[in-house]
Protein backbone atom coordinates (compact mmCIF):
# COMPACT_ATOMS: atom_id res chain seq x y z
CA MET A 1 142.19 98.28 82.36
CA SER A 2 140.15 101.40 81.74
CA LEU A 3 136.44 101.15 81.12
CA HIS A 4 135.00 101.77 77.64
CA PRO A 5 134.08 105.45 77.39
CA VAL A 6 130.37 104.67 77.24
CA LEU A 7 130.47 102.49 80.44
CA ALA A 8 132.61 105.16 82.18
CA GLN A 9 129.87 107.71 81.54
CA LEU A 10 126.91 105.56 82.74
CA THR A 11 126.62 107.34 86.06
CA THR A 12 126.68 110.84 84.55
CA GLY A 13 124.41 110.30 81.57
CA GLN A 14 126.98 111.98 79.32
CA PHE A 15 126.85 108.97 76.89
CA LYS A 16 123.60 110.42 75.58
CA SER A 17 125.43 113.40 74.10
CA VAL A 18 127.85 111.20 72.01
CA GLU A 19 127.24 109.94 68.52
CA TYR A 20 129.04 106.72 67.64
CA GLN A 21 129.95 105.08 64.34
CA THR A 22 130.08 101.29 63.90
CA GLN A 23 133.35 99.79 62.79
CA VAL A 24 131.94 96.35 61.83
CA ASN A 25 128.49 94.83 61.15
CA LEU A 26 126.60 94.42 64.46
CA ASN A 27 123.41 92.84 65.67
CA LEU A 28 120.66 94.67 67.53
CA TYR A 29 118.07 92.76 69.62
CA ASN A 30 114.52 93.53 70.61
CA SER A 31 115.12 93.49 74.34
CA ALA A 32 117.90 93.79 76.98
CA SER A 33 117.90 89.99 77.24
CA LEU A 34 119.52 89.86 73.76
CA ASP A 35 117.65 86.71 72.79
CA CYS A 36 115.84 87.76 69.64
CA LEU A 37 117.41 89.49 66.61
CA SER A 38 115.68 92.81 65.77
CA THR A 39 117.84 94.18 63.07
CA GLN A 40 121.48 94.37 61.93
CA VAL A 41 123.73 97.41 61.57
CA LEU A 42 126.04 97.74 58.60
CA ALA A 43 129.54 98.96 59.36
CA GLY A 44 129.75 102.71 59.16
CA ARG A 45 126.28 103.46 60.47
CA HIS A 46 125.66 106.06 63.23
CA LEU A 47 123.97 105.52 66.57
CA ARG A 48 123.35 107.00 69.94
CA VAL A 49 123.03 105.24 73.25
CA VAL A 50 119.54 105.86 74.74
CA SER A 51 119.61 103.89 78.03
CA VAL A 52 121.35 101.07 79.87
CA ALA A 53 119.72 97.97 81.39
CA GLN A 54 121.21 97.02 84.73
CA PRO A 55 119.42 93.83 86.07
CA GLN A 56 122.17 93.60 88.77
CA PRO A 57 124.27 96.42 90.23
CA ASP A 58 127.23 97.31 87.95
CA THR A 59 126.29 94.57 85.51
CA PRO A 60 124.51 96.14 82.47
CA ALA A 61 123.00 93.48 80.23
CA GLY A 62 122.71 95.67 77.19
CA LEU A 63 122.49 99.19 75.74
CA LYS A 64 119.42 100.54 74.16
CA VAL A 65 120.52 102.44 71.07
CA HIS A 66 118.95 104.68 68.48
CA LEU A 67 120.06 104.32 64.79
CA CYS A 68 120.44 107.75 63.31
CA GLU A 69 119.67 106.98 59.68
CA ASP A 70 116.22 105.47 60.12
CA ASP A 71 115.21 106.23 63.75
CA TYR A 72 115.21 102.50 64.61
CA ALA A 73 115.86 101.42 68.12
CA GLY A 74 117.20 98.14 69.55
CA TRP A 75 119.49 96.62 72.10
CA LEU A 76 123.27 96.28 71.67
CA ALA A 77 125.42 93.72 73.56
CA ILE A 78 127.84 95.34 75.94
CA ALA A 79 130.75 93.37 74.33
CA ASP A 80 130.01 95.12 71.00
CA LEU A 81 130.96 98.46 72.49
CA ASN A 82 134.51 97.68 71.39
CA TRP A 83 133.33 98.06 67.79
CA LEU A 84 132.05 101.66 68.27
CA GLN A 85 134.03 104.81 67.86
CA ALA A 86 132.92 108.39 68.51
CA ALA A 87 131.80 109.81 65.15
CA THR A 88 134.06 112.52 63.85
CA THR A 89 131.09 114.27 62.23
CA PRO A 90 127.42 113.76 63.15
CA TYR A 91 125.06 112.00 60.72
CA ARG A 92 123.27 114.39 58.43
CA ALA A 93 120.65 112.99 56.03
CA ILE A 94 120.94 113.92 52.39
CA ALA A 95 117.72 114.99 50.76
CA LEU A 96 117.25 113.50 47.30
CA SER A 97 114.86 114.76 44.67
CA THR A 98 112.41 112.36 43.01
CA ALA A 99 114.43 112.70 39.85
CA GLU A 100 117.72 111.77 41.63
CA ILE A 101 116.02 108.70 43.04
CA GLN A 102 114.55 107.69 39.71
CA VAL A 103 117.93 107.40 38.06
CA ARG A 104 119.20 105.11 40.88
CA LEU A 105 116.33 102.66 40.74
CA PRO A 106 117.82 100.25 38.12
CA ALA A 107 120.84 99.83 40.39
CA VAL A 108 118.49 99.05 43.32
CA ILE A 109 117.11 96.12 41.33
CA GLU A 110 120.56 95.07 40.32
CA PHE A 111 121.53 94.92 43.99
CA ALA A 112 118.61 92.73 44.93
CA GLN A 113 119.29 90.38 42.00
CA ALA A 114 122.95 90.16 42.93
CA ALA A 115 121.90 89.31 46.50
CA GLN A 116 119.67 86.58 45.12
CA ALA A 117 122.60 85.09 43.24
CA GLN A 118 124.56 84.45 46.48
CA PRO A 119 123.73 81.47 48.72
CA ASN A 120 121.24 82.78 51.26
CA TYR A 121 118.41 81.96 53.61
CA TYR A 122 115.64 83.97 55.27
CA LEU A 123 116.83 85.51 58.49
CA TRP A 124 114.32 87.44 60.75
CA GLY A 125 116.04 90.76 61.46
CA GLY A 126 118.60 90.29 58.59
CA THR A 127 119.58 93.49 56.89
CA VAL A 128 123.30 93.24 55.94
CA GLY A 129 123.33 90.09 53.83
CA PRO A 130 123.76 87.53 52.57
CA ASN A 131 120.72 86.56 54.67
CA TYR A 132 117.84 88.96 54.88
CA ASP A 133 114.29 89.37 55.96
CA CYS A 134 111.82 90.92 53.54
CA SER A 135 112.12 94.53 54.54
CA GLY A 136 115.85 94.16 55.35
CA LEU A 137 116.51 93.33 51.72
CA VAL A 138 114.43 96.23 50.63
CA GLN A 139 116.14 98.63 52.95
CA HIS A 140 119.58 97.53 52.10
CA ALA A 141 118.92 97.54 48.35
CA PHE A 142 117.89 101.14 48.46
CA SER A 143 120.42 102.33 51.09
CA SER A 144 123.22 100.88 48.99
CA LEU A 145 122.31 103.64 46.49
CA GLY A 146 122.04 106.36 49.19
CA ILE A 147 118.19 106.12 49.43
CA TRP A 148 117.08 105.54 53.03
CA LEU A 149 113.83 103.87 53.85
CA PRO A 150 112.33 102.94 57.25
CA ARG A 151 113.26 99.56 58.59
CA ASP A 152 110.02 97.55 58.74
CA SER A 153 107.50 96.70 55.95
CA TYR A 154 104.59 98.49 57.57
CA GLN A 155 106.77 101.50 58.01
CA GLN A 156 107.85 101.27 54.36
CA GLU A 157 104.28 101.22 53.25
CA ALA A 158 103.45 104.33 55.20
CA PHE A 159 106.54 106.15 53.86
CA THR A 160 106.09 105.43 50.12
CA GLN A 161 103.72 107.20 47.78
CA PRO A 162 100.73 104.90 47.13
CA VAL A 163 100.39 103.77 43.53
CA ALA A 164 97.32 105.37 41.95
CA SER A 165 95.10 102.42 41.68
CA SER A 166 96.72 100.49 44.51
CA GLY A 167 94.41 97.79 45.84
CA ARG A 168 93.92 94.07 46.35
CA ASN A 169 93.08 93.38 42.63
CA PRO A 170 96.33 92.65 40.85
CA ALA A 171 94.64 93.08 37.50
CA ASP A 172 94.08 96.71 38.32
CA LEU A 173 97.42 97.22 40.05
CA ILE A 174 99.94 95.68 37.71
CA PRO A 175 99.53 98.20 34.82
CA GLN A 176 100.22 101.02 37.32
CA LEU A 177 103.44 99.48 38.67
CA ALA A 178 106.89 100.71 37.68
CA PRO A 179 110.17 98.88 38.30
CA ALA A 180 111.41 99.27 41.88
CA ASP A 181 107.98 100.07 43.23
CA LEU A 182 107.38 98.22 46.47
CA ILE A 183 104.59 95.65 46.71
CA PHE A 184 103.00 95.05 50.13
CA PHE A 185 101.35 91.99 51.51
CA GLY A 186 99.59 91.02 54.69
CA SER A 187 96.17 91.20 56.29
CA PRO A 188 93.58 94.01 55.80
CA GLN A 189 94.77 95.36 59.14
CA ARG A 190 98.55 95.40 58.61
CA THR A 191 101.42 94.88 56.21
CA ASN A 192 103.83 92.11 57.18
CA HIS A 193 105.68 91.46 53.88
CA VAL A 194 107.24 93.50 51.08
CA GLY A 195 108.92 92.89 47.73
CA ILE A 196 110.50 94.99 44.97
CA HIS A 197 108.66 95.06 41.63
CA LEU A 198 110.78 93.98 38.63
CA GLY A 199 108.18 94.55 35.92
CA GLU A 200 105.05 92.95 34.45
CA GLY A 201 103.89 91.80 37.90
CA TYR A 202 107.14 90.03 38.88
CA TYR A 203 108.79 90.94 42.12
CA ILE A 204 111.86 89.93 44.10
CA HIS A 205 111.64 89.37 47.82
CA SER A 206 113.08 87.41 50.74
CA SER A 207 110.40 85.06 52.04
CA GLY A 208 110.41 82.71 54.96
CA ARG A 209 110.24 78.94 55.40
CA GLU A 210 106.61 78.53 56.20
CA GLN A 211 104.96 80.05 53.13
CA GLY A 212 107.91 81.20 51.06
CA ARG A 213 111.22 80.09 49.67
CA ASN A 214 113.47 80.46 52.76
CA GLY A 215 115.49 83.20 51.01
CA ILE A 216 115.45 85.54 48.09
CA GLY A 217 113.37 84.56 45.07
CA VAL A 218 111.25 85.97 42.28
CA ASP A 219 107.46 85.60 42.30
CA ARG A 220 104.56 87.04 40.42
CA LEU A 221 101.20 88.57 41.13
CA SER A 222 99.13 85.80 39.57
CA LEU A 223 97.06 82.80 40.40
CA GLN A 224 98.85 81.02 37.54
CA GLY A 225 102.17 80.76 39.42
CA ASP A 226 103.27 78.18 41.87
CA SER A 227 102.02 77.80 45.45
CA VAL A 228 104.28 80.56 46.84
CA SER A 229 103.16 83.08 44.20
CA ARG A 230 99.53 82.16 44.75
CA THR A 231 99.81 82.48 48.50
CA TYR A 232 101.26 85.99 48.38
CA TYR A 233 98.81 86.99 45.58
CA GLN A 234 95.98 86.34 48.02
CA GLN A 235 97.61 88.54 50.62
CA LEU A 236 98.21 91.57 48.38
CA ARG A 237 97.61 94.90 50.02
CA GLY A 238 98.89 97.31 47.43
CA ALA A 239 102.04 99.11 46.30
CA GLY A 240 104.08 102.22 46.92
CA ARG A 241 106.57 104.31 45.03
CA VAL A 242 109.77 105.56 46.54
CA VAL A 243 109.88 109.27 45.87
CA ALA A 244 111.99 110.55 48.85
CA SER A 245 114.88 109.43 51.02
CA TYR A 246 113.99 109.10 54.71
CA GLN A 247 114.76 112.12 56.95
CA PRO A 248 115.30 111.29 60.66
CA GLN A 249 112.38 112.37 62.82
CA ILE A 250 114.07 112.17 66.21
CA PRO A 251 116.33 115.14 66.76
CA ILE A 252 119.97 114.08 66.89
């Protein structure tokens, strides 16, 4: 039986010149050991193989890949090579104007609400549904409308346009928020959670088991809400507005 084209090219390095397209949803991991989910790859996305881990001669444990749409990197199981095909055309990002993005935002919210209506639980690394992590829900909700955002919450915070009076005081922030703005939570040092604003201080997000709802729910920026709302209220960092679609930074 012939080797998969990627494996056949390992010794020459030619695999780095090929762009692949996924045929099914796939998992990516945070290391070659493939023991911790990092992100998921929706069918149809583009990637390149960056390197190969070979803990034993001729026995690669995984392939490090680079996702073309958002510059995210992770490790793919060798067995999943069967679900890759050489892309017939390379990925090219589509630049959207702020006005083009604006008209799509109601549908972004509708996507997140439809995701909430399905049975789901919080999945670290989840991006394809029905189970998401916080930034995975945000990324998929926007990408479903052709608006690409970076993968992780701290990256999304850096990418978005800060809301004018963004800050830790919700009373000052809420009047400035528009539907589909992103609301960021975490410590003063770093964002670690994100939700999508629905209006009037309410936001939809996928939160975990320990301090959240173990899935997608709606909370509010208020000390008058339940314990989950109050916990996130106290971790508010600010908000950002999506005014552009992500353009890959790594040449492909």
